[in-house]
PDB file of N, CA and C in Angstrom:
ATOM      1  N   UNK A   1       0.839  -1.185   0.000  1.00  0.00           N
ATOM      2  CA  UNK A   1       0.000   0.000   0.000  1.00  0.00           C
ATOM      3  C   UNK A   1       0.878   1.240   0.000  1.00  0.00           C
ATOM      4  N   UNK A   2       0.402   2.234  -0.701  1.00  0.00           N
ATOM      5  CA  UNK A   2       1.147   3.480  -0.752  1.00  0.00           C
ATOM      6  C   UNK A   2       1.967   3.651  -2.009  1.00  0.00           C
ATOM      7  N   UNK A   3       2.108   2.566  -2.797  1.00  0.00           N
ATOM      8  CA  UNK A   3       2.910   2.645  -4.013  1.00  0.00           C
ATOM      9  C   UNK A   3       2.189   1.932  -5.146  1.00  0.00           C
ATOM     10  N   UNK A   4       2.261   2.537  -6.322  1.00  0.00           N
ATOM     11  CA  UNK A   4       1.650   1.945  -7.498  1.00  0.00           C
ATOM     12  C   UNK A   4       0.184   2.309  -7.626  1.00  0.00           C
ATOM     13  N   UNK A   5      -0.273   2.355  -8.869  1.00  0.00           N
ATOM     14  CA  UNK A   5      -1.672   2.670  -9.149  1.00  0.00           C
ATOM     15  C   UNK A   5      -1.982   2.157 -10.550  1.00  0.00           C
ATOM     16  N   UNK A   6      -3.190   1.645 -10.738  1.00  0.00           N
ATOM     17  CA  UNK A   6      -3.572   1.110 -12.053  1.00  0.00           C
ATOM     18  C   UNK A   6      -3.663   2.194 -13.116  1.00  0.00           C
ATOM     19  N   UNK A   7      -4.026   3.403 -12.732  1.00  0.00           N
ATOM     20  CA  UNK A   7      -4.206   4.477 -13.710  1.00  0.00           C
ATOM     21  C   UNK A   7      -2.981   5.377 -13.775  1.00  0.00           C
ATOM     22  N   UNK A   8      -2.513   5.838 -12.620  1.00  0.00           N
ATOM     23  CA  UNK A   8      -1.375   6.758 -12.581  1.00  0.00           C
ATOM     24  C   UNK A   8      -0.073   5.963 -12.638  1.00  0.00           C
ATOM     25  N   UNK A   9       0.553   5.923 -13.816  1.00  0.00           N
ATOM     26  CA  UNK A   9       1.808   5.183 -13.968  1.00  0.00           C
ATOM     27  C   UNK A   9       3.010   6.009 -13.513  1.00  0.00           C
ATOM     28  N   UNK A  10       2.796   7.294 -13.355  1.00  0.00           N
ATOM     29  CA  UNK A  10       3.828   8.147 -12.778  1.00  0.00           C
ATOM     30  C   UNK A  10       3.304   8.589 -11.416  1.00  0.00           C
ATOM     31  N   UNK A  11       3.944   9.553 -10.811  1.00  0.00           N
ATOM     32  CA  UNK A  11       3.559  10.003  -9.470  1.00  0.00           C
ATOM     33  C   UNK A  11       2.087  10.405  -9.440  1.00  0.00           C
ATOM     34  N   UNK A  12       1.349   9.888  -8.490  1.00  0.00           N
ATOM     35  CA  UNK A  12      -0.078  10.169  -8.319  1.00  0.00           C
ATOM     36  C   UNK A  12      -0.240  11.648  -7.940  1.00  0.00           C
ATOM     37  N   UNK A  13      -0.960  12.443  -8.744  1.00  0.00           N
ATOM     38  CA  UNK A  13      -1.072  13.876  -8.438  1.00  0.00           C
ATOM     39  C   UNK A  13      -1.722  14.144  -7.083  1.00  0.00           C
ATOM     40  N   UNK A  14      -2.583  13.239  -6.634  1.00  0.00           N
ATOM     41  CA  UNK A  14      -3.199  13.402  -5.312  1.00  0.00           C
ATOM     42  C   UNK A  14      -2.156  13.229  -4.218  1.00  0.00           C
ATOM     43  N   UNK A  15      -1.201  12.326  -4.453  1.00  0.00           N
ATOM     44  CA  UNK A  15      -0.132  12.109  -3.473  1.00  0.00           C
ATOM     45  C   UNK A  15       0.741  13.355  -3.340  1.00  0.00           C
ATOM     46  N   UNK A  16       0.966  14.026  -4.456  1.00  0.00           N
ATOM     47  CA  UNK A  16       1.774  15.253  -4.425  1.00  0.00           C
ATOM     48  C   UNK A  16       1.119  16.300  -3.530  1.00  0.00           C
ATOM     49  N   UNK A  17      -0.199  16.445  -3.639  1.00  0.00           N
ATOM     50  CA  UNK A  17      -0.929  17.416  -2.818  1.00  0.00           C
ATOM     51  C   UNK A  17      -0.874  17.012  -1.345  1.00  0.00           C
ATOM     52  N   UNK A  18      -1.129  15.734  -1.063  1.00  0.00           N
ATOM     53  CA  UNK A  18      -1.094  15.263   0.328  1.00  0.00           C
ATOM     54  C   UNK A  18       0.307  15.348   0.916  1.00  0.00           C
ATOM     55  N   UNK A  19       1.322  15.138   0.097  1.00  0.00           N
ATOM     56  CA  UNK A  19       2.708  15.243   0.577  1.00  0.00           C
ATOM     57  C   UNK A  19       2.981  16.659   1.077  1.00  0.00           C
ATOM     58  N   UNK A  20       2.553  17.652   0.311  1.00  0.00           N
ATOM     59  CA  UNK A  20       2.732  19.048   0.728  1.00  0.00           C
ATOM     60  C   UNK A  20       1.944  19.374   1.987  1.00  0.00           C
ATOM     61  N   UNK A  21       0.720  18.864   2.064  1.00  0.00           N
ATOM     62  CA  UNK A  21      -0.091  19.079   3.264  1.00  0.00           C
ATOM     63  C   UNK A  21       0.570  18.429   4.477  1.00  0.00           C
ATOM     64  N   UNK A  22       1.072  17.216   4.299  1.00  0.00           N
ATOM     65  CA  UNK A  22       1.713  16.491   5.398  1.00  0.00           C
ATOM     66  C   UNK A  22       2.958  17.243   5.880  1.00  0.00           C
ATOM     67  N   UNK A  23       3.726  17.763   4.938  1.00  0.00           N
ATOM     68  CA  UNK A  23       4.939  18.506   5.307  1.00  0.00           C
ATOM     69  C   UNK A  23       4.592  19.714   6.183  1.00  0.00           C
ATOM     70  N   UNK A  24       3.509  20.413   5.851  1.00  0.00           N
ATOM     71  CA  UNK A  24       3.103  21.599   6.622  1.00  0.00           C
ATOM     72  C   UNK A  24       2.438  21.233   7.942  1.00  0.00           C
ATOM     73  N   UNK A  25       1.552  20.226   7.902  1.00  0.00           N
ATOM     74  CA  UNK A  25       0.729  19.912   9.072  1.00  0.00           C
ATOM     75  C   UNK A  25       1.378  18.950  10.064  1.00  0.00           C
ATOM     76  N   UNK A  26       2.268  18.098   9.576  1.00  0.00           N
ATOM     77  CA  UNK A  26       2.819  17.039  10.422  1.00  0.00           C
ATOM     78  C   UNK A  26       4.298  16.823  10.070  1.00  0.00           C
ATOM     79  N   UNK A  27       5.157  17.818  10.343  1.00  0.00           N
ATOM     80  CA  UNK A  27       6.557  17.754   9.914  1.00  0.00           C
ATOM     81  C   UNK A  27       7.333  16.547  10.446  1.00  0.00           C
ATOM     82  N   UNK A  28       7.026  16.107  11.652  1.00  0.00           N
ATOM     83  CA  UNK A  28       7.743  14.948  12.207  1.00  0.00           C
ATOM     84  C   UNK A  28       7.400  13.686  11.416  1.00  0.00           C
ATOM     85  N   UNK A  29       6.137  13.466  11.145  1.00  0.00           N
ATOM     86  CA  UNK A  29       5.705  12.328  10.331  1.00  0.00           C
ATOM     87  C   UNK A  29       6.313  12.446   8.936  1.00  0.00           C
ATOM     88  N   UNK A  30       6.255  13.641   8.364  1.00  0.00           N
ATOM     89  CA  UNK A  30       6.764  13.883   7.008  1.00  0.00           C
ATOM     90  C   UNK A  30       8.241  13.537   6.891  1.00  0.00           C
ATOM     91  N   UNK A  31       9.012  13.905   7.893  1.00  0.00           N
ATOM     92  CA  UNK A  31      10.457  13.659   7.854  1.00  0.00           C
ATOM     93  C   UNK A  31      10.746  12.162   7.684  1.00  0.00           C
ATOM     94  N   UNK A  32      10.079  11.343   8.477  1.00  0.00           N
ATOM     95  CA  UNK A  32      10.265   9.897   8.377  1.00  0.00           C
ATOM     96  C   UNK A  32       9.662   9.353   7.080  1.00  0.00           C
ATOM     97  N   UNK A  33       8.434   9.765   6.766  1.00  0.00           N
ATOM     98  CA  UNK A  33       7.739   9.246   5.587  1.00  0.00           C
ATOM     99  C   UNK A  33       8.490   9.562   4.302  1.00  0.00           C
ATOM    100  N   UNK A  34       9.052  10.744   4.174  1.00  0.00           N
ATOM    101  CA  UNK A  34       9.767  11.098   2.949  1.00  0.00           C
ATOM    102  C   UNK A  34      11.034  10.259   2.788  1.00  0.00           C
ATOM    103  N   UNK A  35      11.690   9.922   3.905  1.00  0.00           N
ATOM    104  CA  UNK A  35      12.857   9.033   3.822  1.00  0.00           C
ATOM    105  C   UNK A  35      12.439   7.619   3.421  1.00  0.00           C
ATOM    106  N   UNK A  36      11.345   7.143   4.026  1.00  0.00           N
ATOM    107  CA  UNK A  36      10.827   5.814   3.686  1.00  0.00           C
ATOM    108  C   UNK A  36      10.431   5.774   2.210  1.00  0.00           C
ATOM    109  N   UNK A  37       9.786   6.824   1.751  1.00  0.00           N
ATOM    110  CA  UNK A  37       9.376   6.912   0.343  1.00  0.00           C
ATOM    111  C   UNK A  37      10.583   6.790  -0.580  1.00  0.00           C
ATOM    112  N   UNK A  38      11.622   7.529  -0.274  1.00  0.00           N
ATOM    113  CA  UNK A  38      12.832   7.519  -1.101  1.00  0.00           C
ATOM    114  C   UNK A  38      13.443   6.119  -1.173  1.00  0.00           C
ATOM    115  N   UNK A  39      13.586   5.462  -0.036  1.00  0.00           N
ATOM    116  CA  UNK A  39      14.180   4.120   0.003  1.00  0.00           C
ATOM    117  C   UNK A  39      13.269   3.099  -0.671  1.00  0.00           C
ATOM    118  N   UNK A  40      11.975   3.171  -0.384  1.00  0.00           N
ATOM    119  CA  UNK A  40      11.026   2.215  -0.959  1.00  0.00           C
ATOM    120  C   UNK A  40      10.997   2.314  -2.477  1.00  0.00           C
ATOM    121  N   UNK A  41      10.985   3.524  -3.008  1.00  0.00           N
ATOM    122  CA  UNK A  41      10.969   3.687  -4.469  1.00  0.00           C
ATOM    123  C   UNK A  41      12.241   3.140  -5.098  1.00  0.00           C
ATOM    124  N   UNK A  42      13.371   3.350  -4.432  1.00  0.00           N
ATOM    125  CA  UNK A  42      14.636   2.818  -4.949  1.00  0.00           C
ATOM    126  C   UNK A  42      14.612   1.292  -4.977  1.00  0.00           C
ATOM    127  N   UNK A  43      14.146   0.679  -3.888  1.00  0.00           N
ATOM    128  CA  UNK A  43      14.090  -0.784  -3.800  1.00  0.00           C
ATOM    129  C   UNK A  43      13.091  -1.350  -4.817  1.00  0.00           C
ATOM    130  N   UNK A  44      11.926  -0.721  -4.932  1.00  0.00           N
ATOM    131  CA  UNK A  44      10.929  -1.182  -5.901  1.00  0.00           C
ATOM    132  C   UNK A  44      11.473  -1.129  -7.318  1.00  0.00           C
ATOM    133  N   UNK A  45      12.217  -0.083  -7.645  1.00  0.00           N
ATOM    134  CA  UNK A  45      12.807   0.038  -8.973  1.00  0.00           C
ATOM    135  C   UNK A  45      13.870  -1.032  -9.201  1.00  0.00           C
ATOM    136  N   UNK A  46      14.679  -1.306  -8.177  1.00  0.00           N
ATOM    137  CA  UNK A  46      15.692  -2.361  -8.292  1.00  0.00           C
ATOM    138  C   UNK A  46      15.055  -3.729  -8.507  1.00  0.00           C
ATOM    139  N   UNK A  47      13.993  -4.013  -7.768  1.00  0.00           N
ATOM    140  CA  UNK A  47      13.352  -5.325  -7.843  1.00  0.00           C
ATOM    141  C   UNK A  47      12.480  -5.489  -9.079  1.00  0.00           C
ATOM    142  N   UNK A  48      11.899  -4.396  -9.562  1.00  0.00           N
ATOM    143  CA  UNK A  48      10.991  -4.461 -10.703  1.00  0.00           C
ATOM    144  C   UNK A  48      11.305  -3.334 -11.691  1.00  0.00           C
ATOM    145  N   UNK A  49      12.465  -3.381 -12.365  1.00  0.00           N
ATOM    146  CA  UNK A  49      12.827  -2.286 -13.269  1.00  0.00           C
ATOM    147  C   UNK A  49      11.860  -2.142 -14.454  1.00  0.00           C
ATOM    148  N   UNK A  50      11.179  -3.217 -14.798  1.00  0.00           N
ATOM    149  CA  UNK A  50      10.234  -3.191 -15.911  1.00  0.00           C
ATOM    150  C   UNK A  50       8.850  -2.683 -15.502  1.00  0.00           C
ATOM    151  N   UNK A  51       8.631  -2.534 -14.206  1.00  0.00           N
ATOM    152  CA  UNK A  51       7.333  -2.115 -13.692  1.00  0.00           C
ATOM    153  C   UNK A  51       7.539  -0.992 -12.674  1.00  0.00           C
ATOM    154  N   UNK A  52       7.813   0.216 -13.158  1.00  0.00           N
ATOM    155  CA  UNK A  52       8.081   1.304 -12.207  1.00  0.00           C
ATOM    156  C   UNK A  52       6.882   1.606 -11.322  1.00  0.00           C
ATOM    157  N   UNK A  53       7.149   1.804 -10.048  1.00  0.00           N
ATOM    158  CA  UNK A  53       6.116   2.133  -9.067  1.00  0.00           C
ATOM    159  C   UNK A  53       6.319   3.580  -8.641  1.00  0.00           C
ATOM    160  N   UNK A  54       5.216   4.226  -8.317  1.00  0.00           N
ATOM    161  CA  UNK A  54       5.283   5.593  -7.818  1.00  0.00           C
ATOM    162  C   UNK A  54       4.408   5.697  -6.572  1.00  0.00           C
ATOM    163  N   UNK A  55       4.671   6.711  -5.782  1.00  0.00           N
ATOM    164  CA  UNK A  55       3.907   6.937  -4.564  1.00  0.00           C
ATOM    165  C   UNK A  55       2.459   7.258  -4.944  1.00  0.00           C
ATOM    166  N   UNK A  56       1.506   6.671  -4.210  1.00  0.00           N
ATOM    167  CA  UNK A  56       0.102   6.944  -4.504  1.00  0.00           C
ATOM    168  C   UNK A  56      -0.566   7.698  -3.351  1.00  0.00           C
ATOM    169  N   UNK A  57      -1.852   7.927  -3.492  1.00  0.00           N
ATOM    170  CA  UNK A  57      -2.618   8.762  -2.567  1.00  0.00           C
ATOM    171  C   UNK A  57      -2.608   8.233  -1.132  1.00  0.00           C
ATOM    172  N   UNK A  58      -2.473   6.943  -0.961  1.00  0.00           N
ATOM    173  CA  UNK A  58      -2.535   6.358   0.386  1.00  0.00           C
ATOM    174  C   UNK A  58      -1.304   6.677   1.234  1.00  0.00           C
ATOM    175  N   UNK A  59      -0.169   6.910   0.611  1.00  0.00           N
ATOM    176  CA  UNK A  59       1.083   7.013   1.360  1.00  0.00           C
ATOM    177  C   UNK A  59       1.095   8.150   2.381  1.00  0.00           C
ATOM    178  N   UNK A  60       0.745   9.344   1.966  1.00  0.00           N
ATOM    179  CA  UNK A  60       0.799  10.487   2.886  1.00  0.00           C
ATOM    180  C   UNK A  60      -0.528  10.767   3.584  1.00  0.00           C
ATOM    181  N   UNK A  61      -1.570   9.998   3.252  1.00  0.00           N
ATOM    182  CA  UNK A  61      -2.878  10.201   3.884  1.00  0.00           C
ATOM    183  C   UNK A  61      -2.799  10.065   5.401  1.00  0.00           C
ATOM    184  N   UNK A  62      -2.072   9.072   5.878  1.00  0.00           N
ATOM    185  CA  UNK A  62      -1.983   8.832   7.323  1.00  0.00           C
ATOM    186  C   UNK A  62      -1.415  10.052   8.053  1.00  0.00           C
ATOM    187  N   UNK A  63      -0.391  10.665   7.497  1.00  0.00           N
ATOM    188  CA  UNK A  63       0.202  11.838   8.142  1.00  0.00           C
ATOM    189  C   UNK A  63      -0.754  13.009   8.223  1.00  0.00           C
ATOM    190  N   UNK A  64      -1.543  13.191   7.178  1.00  0.00           N
ATOM    191  CA  UNK A  64      -2.519  14.280   7.166  1.00  0.00           C
ATOM    192  C   UNK A  64      -3.651  13.981   8.152  1.00  0.00           C
ATOM    193  N   UNK A  65      -4.174  12.762   8.114  1.00  0.00           N
ATOM    194  CA  UNK A  65      -5.266  12.400   9.028  1.00  0.00           C
ATOM    195  C   UNK A  65      -4.812  12.462  10.484  1.00  0.00           C
ATOM    196  N   UNK A  66      -3.579  12.059  10.740  1.00  0.00           N
ATOM    197  CA  UNK A  66      -3.029  12.132  12.093  1.00  0.00           C
ATOM    198  C   UNK A  66      -2.934  13.595  12.544  1.00  0.00           C
ATOM    199  N   UNK A  67      -2.492  14.464  11.651  1.00  0.00           N
ATOM    200  CA  UNK A  67      -2.373  15.888  11.981  1.00  0.00           C
ATOM    201  C   UNK A  67      -3.738  16.508  12.284  1.00  0.00           C
ATOM    202  N   UNK A  68      -4.776  15.970  11.672  1.00  0.00           N
ATOM    203  CA  UNK A  68      -6.130  16.478  11.913  1.00  0.00           C
ATOM    204  C   UNK A  68      -6.717  15.960  13.218  1.00  0.00           C
ATOM    205  N   UNK A  69      -5.977  15.043  13.875  1.00  0.00           N
ATOM    206  CA  UNK A  69      -6.429  14.521  15.158  1.00  0.00           C
ATOM    207  C   UNK A  69      -7.383  13.347  15.047  1.00  0.00           C
ATOM    208  N   UNK A  70      -7.479  12.756  13.884  1.00  0.00           N
ATOM    209  CA  UNK A  70      -8.379  11.621  13.693  1.00  0.00           C
ATOM    210  C   UNK A  70      -7.763  10.367  14.319  1.00  0.00           C
ATOM    211  N   UNK A  71      -8.527   9.612  15.086  1.00  0.00           N
ATOM    212  CA  UNK A  71      -7.987   8.370  15.665  1.00  0.00           C
ATOM    213  C   UNK A  71      -7.592   7.382  14.558  1.00  0.00           C
ATOM    214  N   UNK A  72      -6.504   6.662  14.778  1.00  0.00           N
ATOM    215  CA  UNK A  72      -5.988   5.736  13.756  1.00  0.00           C
ATOM    216  C   UNK A  72      -7.016   4.706  13.312  1.00  0.00           C
ATOM    217  N   UNK A  73      -7.867   4.269  14.223  1.00  0.00           N
ATOM    218  CA  UNK A  73      -8.839   3.241  13.837  1.00  0.00           C
ATOM    219  C   UNK A  73      -9.912   3.790  12.897  1.00  0.00           C
ATOM    220  N   UNK A  74      -9.947   5.101  12.696  1.00  0.00           N
ATOM    221  CA  UNK A  74     -10.904   5.685  11.760  1.00  0.00           C
ATOM    222  C   UNK A  74     -10.286   5.980  10.399  1.00  0.00           C
ATOM    223  N   UNK A  75      -8.972   5.763  10.233  1.00  0.00           N
ATOM    224  CA  UNK A  75      -8.317   6.035   8.953  1.00  0.00           C
ATOM    225  C   UNK A  75      -8.943   5.238   7.806  1.00  0.00           C
ATOM    226  N   UNK A  76      -9.109   3.917   7.928  1.00  0.00           N
ATOM    227  CA  UNK A  76      -9.658   3.156   6.785  1.00  0.00           C
ATOM    228  C   UNK A  76     -11.056   3.609   6.379  1.00  0.00           C
ATOM    229  N   UNK A  77     -11.921   3.845   7.353  1.00  0.00           N
ATOM    230  CA  UNK A  77     -13.285   4.259   6.998  1.00  0.00           C
ATOM    231  C   UNK A  77     -13.287   5.659   6.396  1.00  0.00           C
ATOM    232  N   UNK A  78     -12.419   6.527   6.865  1.00  0.00           N
ATOM    233  CA  UNK A  78     -12.326   7.876   6.313  1.00  0.00           C
ATOM    234  C   UNK A  78     -11.867   7.816   4.859  1.00  0.00           C
ATOM    235  N   UNK A  79     -10.897   6.955   4.587  1.00  0.00           N
ATOM    236  CA  UNK A  79     -10.414   6.796   3.222  1.00  0.00           C
ATOM    237  C   UNK A  79     -11.515   6.211   2.340  1.00  0.00           C
ATOM    238  N   UNK A  80     -12.283   5.281   2.889  1.00  0.00           N
ATOM    239  CA  UNK A  80     -13.357   4.635   2.130  1.00  0.00           C
ATOM    240  C   UNK A  80     -14.477   5.608   1.786  1.00  0.00           C
ATOM    241  N   UNK A  81     -14.760   6.570   2.656  1.00  0.00           N
ATOM    242  CA  UNK A  81     -15.841   7.527   2.414  1.00  0.00           C
ATOM    243  C   UNK A  81     -15.639   8.227   1.064  1.00  0.00           C
ATOM    244  N   UNK A  82     -14.409   8.551   0.758  1.00  0.00           N
ATOM    245  CA  UNK A  82     -14.113   9.216  -0.507  1.00  0.00           C
ATOM    246  C   UNK A  82     -14.332   8.324  -1.719  1.00  0.00           C
ATOM    247  N   UNK A  83     -14.408   7.048  -1.503  1.00  0.00           N
ATOM    248  CA  UNK A  83     -14.589   6.111  -2.608  1.00  0.00           C
ATOM    249  C   UNK A  83     -16.041   5.686  -2.809  1.00  0.00           C
ATOM    250  N   UNK A  84     -16.904   6.034  -1.889  1.00  0.00           N
ATOM    251  CA  UNK A  84     -18.303   5.592  -1.956  1.00  0.00           C
ATOM    252  C   UNK A  84     -18.963   6.043  -3.255  1.00  0.00           C
ATOM    253  N   UNK A  85     -18.708   7.263  -3.689  1.00  0.00           N
ATOM    254  CA  UNK A  85     -19.311   7.750  -4.935  1.00  0.00           C
ATOM    255  C   UNK A  85     -18.893   6.870  -6.105  1.00  0.00           C
ATOM    256  N   UNK A  86     -17.627   6.517  -6.177  1.00  0.00           N
ATOM    257  CA  UNK A  86     -17.142   5.646  -7.256  1.00  0.00           C
ATOM    258  C   UNK A  86     -17.737   4.257  -7.183  1.00  0.00           C
ATOM    259  N   UNK A  87     -17.786   3.720  -5.976  1.00  0.00           N
ATOM    260  CA  UNK A  87     -18.380   2.390  -5.804  1.00  0.00           C
ATOM    261  C   UNK A  87     -19.848   2.414  -6.219  1.00  0.00           C
ATOM    262  N   UNK A  88     -20.555   3.472  -5.829  1.00  0.00           N
ATOM    263  CA  UNK A  88     -21.972   3.601  -6.189  1.00  0.00           C
ATOM    264  C   UNK A  88     -22.135   3.704  -7.705  1.00  0.00           C
ATOM    265  N   UNK A  89     -21.248   4.453  -8.348  1.00  0.00           N
ATOM    266  CA  UNK A  89     -21.300   4.579  -9.807  1.00  0.00           C
ATOM    267  C   UNK A  89     -21.094   3.217 -10.471  1.00  0.00           C
ATOM    268  N   UNK A  90     -20.190   2.412  -9.916  1.00  0.00           N
ATOM    269  CA  UNK A  90     -19.976   1.063 -10.461  1.00  0.00           C
ATOM    270  C   UNK A  90     -21.234   0.218 -10.336  1.00  0.00           C
ATOM    271  N   UNK A  91     -21.912   0.311  -9.205  1.00  0.00           N
ATOM    272  CA  UNK A  91     -23.150  -0.456  -8.998  1.00  0.00           C
ATOM    273  C   UNK A  91     -24.200  -0.020 -10.012  1.00  0.00           C
ATOM    274  N   UNK A  92     -24.358   1.299 -10.188  1.00  0.00           N
ATOM    275  CA  UNK A  92     -25.346   1.805 -11.140  1.00  0.00           C
ATOM    276  C   UNK A  92     -25.008   1.388 -12.571  1.00  0.00           C
ATOM    277  N   UNK A  93     -23.727   1.441 -12.917  1.00  0.00           N
ATOM    278  CA  UNK A  93     -23.296   1.026 -14.259  1.00  0.00           C
ATOM    279  C   UNK A  93     -23.579  -0.457 -14.469  1.00  0.00           C
ATOM    280  N   UNK A  94     -23.260  -1.229 -13.472  1.00  0.00           N
ATOM    281  CA  UNK A  94     -23.477  -2.674 -13.542  1.00  0.00           C
ATOM    282  C   UNK A  94     -24.970  -2.971 -13.693  1.00  0.00           C
ATOM    283  N   UNK A  95     -25.802  -2.295 -12.928  1.00  0.00           N
ATOM    284  CA  UNK A  95     -27.246  -2.520 -12.977  1.00  0.00           C
ATOM    285  C   UNK A  95     -27.834  -2.060 -14.312  1.00  0.00           C
ATOM    286  N   UNK A  96     -27.338  -0.954 -14.854  1.00  0.00           N
ATOM    287  CA  UNK A  96     -27.899  -0.429 -16.103  1.00  0.00           C
ATOM    288  C   UNK A  96     -27.589  -1.315 -17.303  1.00  0.00           C
ATOM    289  N   UNK A  97     -26.495  -2.059 -17.241  1.00  0.00           N
ATOM    290  CA  UNK A  97     -26.119  -2.952 -18.349  1.00  0.00           C
ATOM    291  C   UNK A  97     -26.516  -4.395 -18.077  1.00  0.00           C
ATOM    292  N   UNK A  98     -27.103  -4.640 -16.903  1.00  0.00           N
ATOM    293  CA  UNK A  98     -27.503  -5.988 -16.501  1.00  0.00           C
ATOM    294  C   UNK A  98     -26.357  -6.983 -16.708  1.00  0.00           C
ATOM    295  N   UNK A  99     -25.155  -6.532 -16.369  1.00  0.00           N
ATOM    296  CA  UNK A  99     -23.973  -7.358 -16.556  1.00  0.00           C
ATOM    297  C   UNK A  99     -23.058  -7.165 -15.352  1.00  0.00           C
ATOM    298  N   UNK A 100     -22.642  -8.255 -14.765  1.00  0.00           N
ATOM    299  CA  UNK A 100     -21.760  -8.201 -13.614  1.00  0.00           C
ATOM    300  C   UNK A 100     -20.367  -7.767 -14.055  1.00  0.00           C
ATOM    301  N   UNK A 101     -19.817  -6.767 -13.374  1.00  0.00           N
ATOM    302  CA  UNK A 101     -18.454  -6.318 -13.652  1.00  0.00           C
ATOM    303  C   UNK A 101     -17.535  -7.100 -12.734  1.00  0.00           C
ATOM    304  N   UNK A 102     -16.686  -7.896 -13.303  1.00  0.00           N
ATOM    305  CA  UNK A 102     -15.811  -8.756 -12.509  1.00  0.00           C
ATOM    306  C   UNK A 102     -14.454  -8.082 -12.303  1.00  0.00           C
ATOM    307  N   UNK A 103     -13.954  -8.102 -11.068  1.00  0.00           N
ATOM    308  CA  UNK A 103     -12.623  -7.535 -10.822  1.00  0.00           C
ATOM    309  C   UNK A 103     -11.549  -8.385 -11.493  1.00  0.00           C
ATOM    310  N   UNK A 104     -10.401  -7.782 -11.727  1.00  0.00           N
ATOM    311  CA  UNK A 104      -9.314  -8.491 -12.384  1.00  0.00           C
ATOM    312  C   UNK A 104      -8.391  -9.176 -11.382  1.00  0.00           C
ATOM    313  N   UNK A 105      -8.812  -9.318 -10.156  1.00  0.00           N
ATOM    314  CA  UNK A 105      -7.993  -9.980  -9.154  1.00  0.00           C
ATOM    315  C   UNK A 105      -8.818 -11.072  -8.485  1.00  0.00           C
ATOM    316  N   UNK A 106      -8.125 -11.965  -7.828  1.00  0.00           N
ATOM    317  CA  UNK A 106      -8.788 -13.071  -7.162  1.00  0.00           C
ATOM    318  C   UNK A 106      -8.288 -13.153  -5.727  1.00  0.00           C
ATOM    319  N   UNK A 107      -9.197 -13.209  -4.775  1.00  0.00           N
ATOM    320  CA  UNK A 107      -8.835 -13.292  -3.360  1.00  0.00           C
ATOM    321  C   UNK A 107      -8.192 -14.649  -3.091  1.00  0.00           C
ATOM    322  N   UNK A 108      -7.020 -14.643  -2.460  1.00  0.00           N
ATOM    323  CA  UNK A 108      -6.322 -15.886  -2.151  1.00  0.00           C
ATOM    324  C   UNK A 108      -5.994 -15.990  -0.661  1.00  0.00           C
ATOM    325  N   UNK A 109      -6.650 -15.186   0.143  1.00  0.00           N
ATOM    326  CA  UNK A 109      -6.397 -15.164   1.588  1.00  0.00           C
ATOM    327  C   UNK A 109      -7.089 -16.310   2.300  1.00  0.00           C
ATOM    328  N   UNK A 110      -7.083 -16.250   3.619  1.00  0.00           N
ATOM    329  CA  UNK A 110      -7.707 -17.323   4.404  1.00  0.00           C
ATOM    330  C   UNK A 110      -9.214 -17.382   4.171  1.00  0.00           C
ATOM    331  N   UNK A 111      -9.760 -18.556   4.407  1.00  0.00           N
ATOM    332  CA  UNK A 111     -11.201 -18.747   4.265  1.00  0.00           C
ATOM    333  C   UNK A 111     -11.930 -17.894   5.302  1.00  0.00           C
ATOM    334  N   UNK A 112     -13.134 -17.436   4.987  1.00  0.00           N
ATOM    335  CA  UNK A 112     -13.899 -16.643   5.961  1.00  0.00           C
ATOM    336  C   UNK A 112     -14.179 -17.449   7.228  1.00  0.00           C
ATOM    337  N   UNK A 113     -14.138 -16.752   8.359  1.00  0.00           N
ATOM    338  CA  UNK A 113     -14.426 -17.417   9.636  1.00  0.00           C
ATOM    339  C   UNK A 113     -15.913 -17.351   9.929  1.00  0.00           C
ATOM    340  N   UNK A 114     -16.400 -18.336  10.676  1.00  0.00           N
ATOM    341  CA  UNK A 114     -17.784 -18.322  11.097  1.00  0.00           C
ATOM    342  C   UNK A 114     -17.922 -17.393  12.301  1.00  0.00           C
ATOM    343  N   UNK A 115     -18.848 -16.430  12.227  1.00  0.00           N
ATOM    344  CA  UNK A 115     -18.997 -15.493  13.347  1.00  0.00           C
ATOM    345  C   UNK A 115     -19.433 -16.210  14.621  1.00  0.00           C
ATOM    346  N   UNK A 116     -18.897 -15.762  15.744  1.00  0.00           N
ATOM    347  CA  UNK A 116     -19.296 -16.307  17.046  1.00  0.00           C
ATOM    348  C   UNK A 116     -20.455 -15.459  17.561  1.00  0.00           C
ATOM    349  N   UNK A 117     -21.593 -16.066  17.895  1.00  0.00           N
ATOM    350  CA  UNK A 117     -22.726 -15.274  18.413  1.00  0.00           C
ATOM    351  C   UNK A 117     -22.313 -14.448  19.624  1.00  0.00           C
ATOM    352  N   UNK A 118     -22.895 -13.266  19.748  1.00  0.00           N
ATOM    353  CA  UNK A 118     -22.545 -12.349  20.831  1.00  0.00           C
ATOM    354  C   UNK A 118     -22.638 -13.016  22.209  1.00  0.00           C
ATOM    355  N   UNK A 119     -23.641 -13.828  22.424  1.00  0.00           N
ATOM    356  CA  UNK A 119     -23.829 -14.472  23.721  1.00  0.00           C
ATOM    357  C   UNK A 119     -22.744 -15.473  24.058  1.00  0.00           C
ATOM    358  N   UNK A 120     -21.973 -15.911  23.068  1.00  0.00           N
ATOM    359  CA  UNK A 120     -20.914 -16.890  23.297  1.00  0.00           C
ATOM    360  C   UNK A 120     -19.521 -16.279  23.329  1.00  0.00           C
ATOM    361  N   UNK A 121     -19.426 -14.979  23.244  1.00  0.00           N
ATOM    362  CA  UNK A 121     -18.112 -14.327  23.226  1.00  0.00           C
ATOM    363  C   UNK A 121     -17.629 -14.073  24.622  1.00  0.00           C
TER     364      UNK A 121
END
């Protein structure tokens, strides 16, 4: 997370804006994050010279959200809120064409767990 994007093959323009915001709002976080960014991009280029990766919108989001005082456990939902419009548009597009839009990836993680009823927790 934080590097690479299906559409932006070069530096994500949203990341550039968030990087500047992070530098102003959260200089301590920015100092570490910018060093990590530099090293990570170098390593990614060494390992995958044919597939250049660039910093994306997720990388500096944490520093900005932290500077705003948002609790860390709310970062994922806050990031998701911005995507709801796009997700909704996909649903409407899918429904209007009566055709399921299949993602180009396949989940290979652990099998879903059976929920434990509240009374048994």
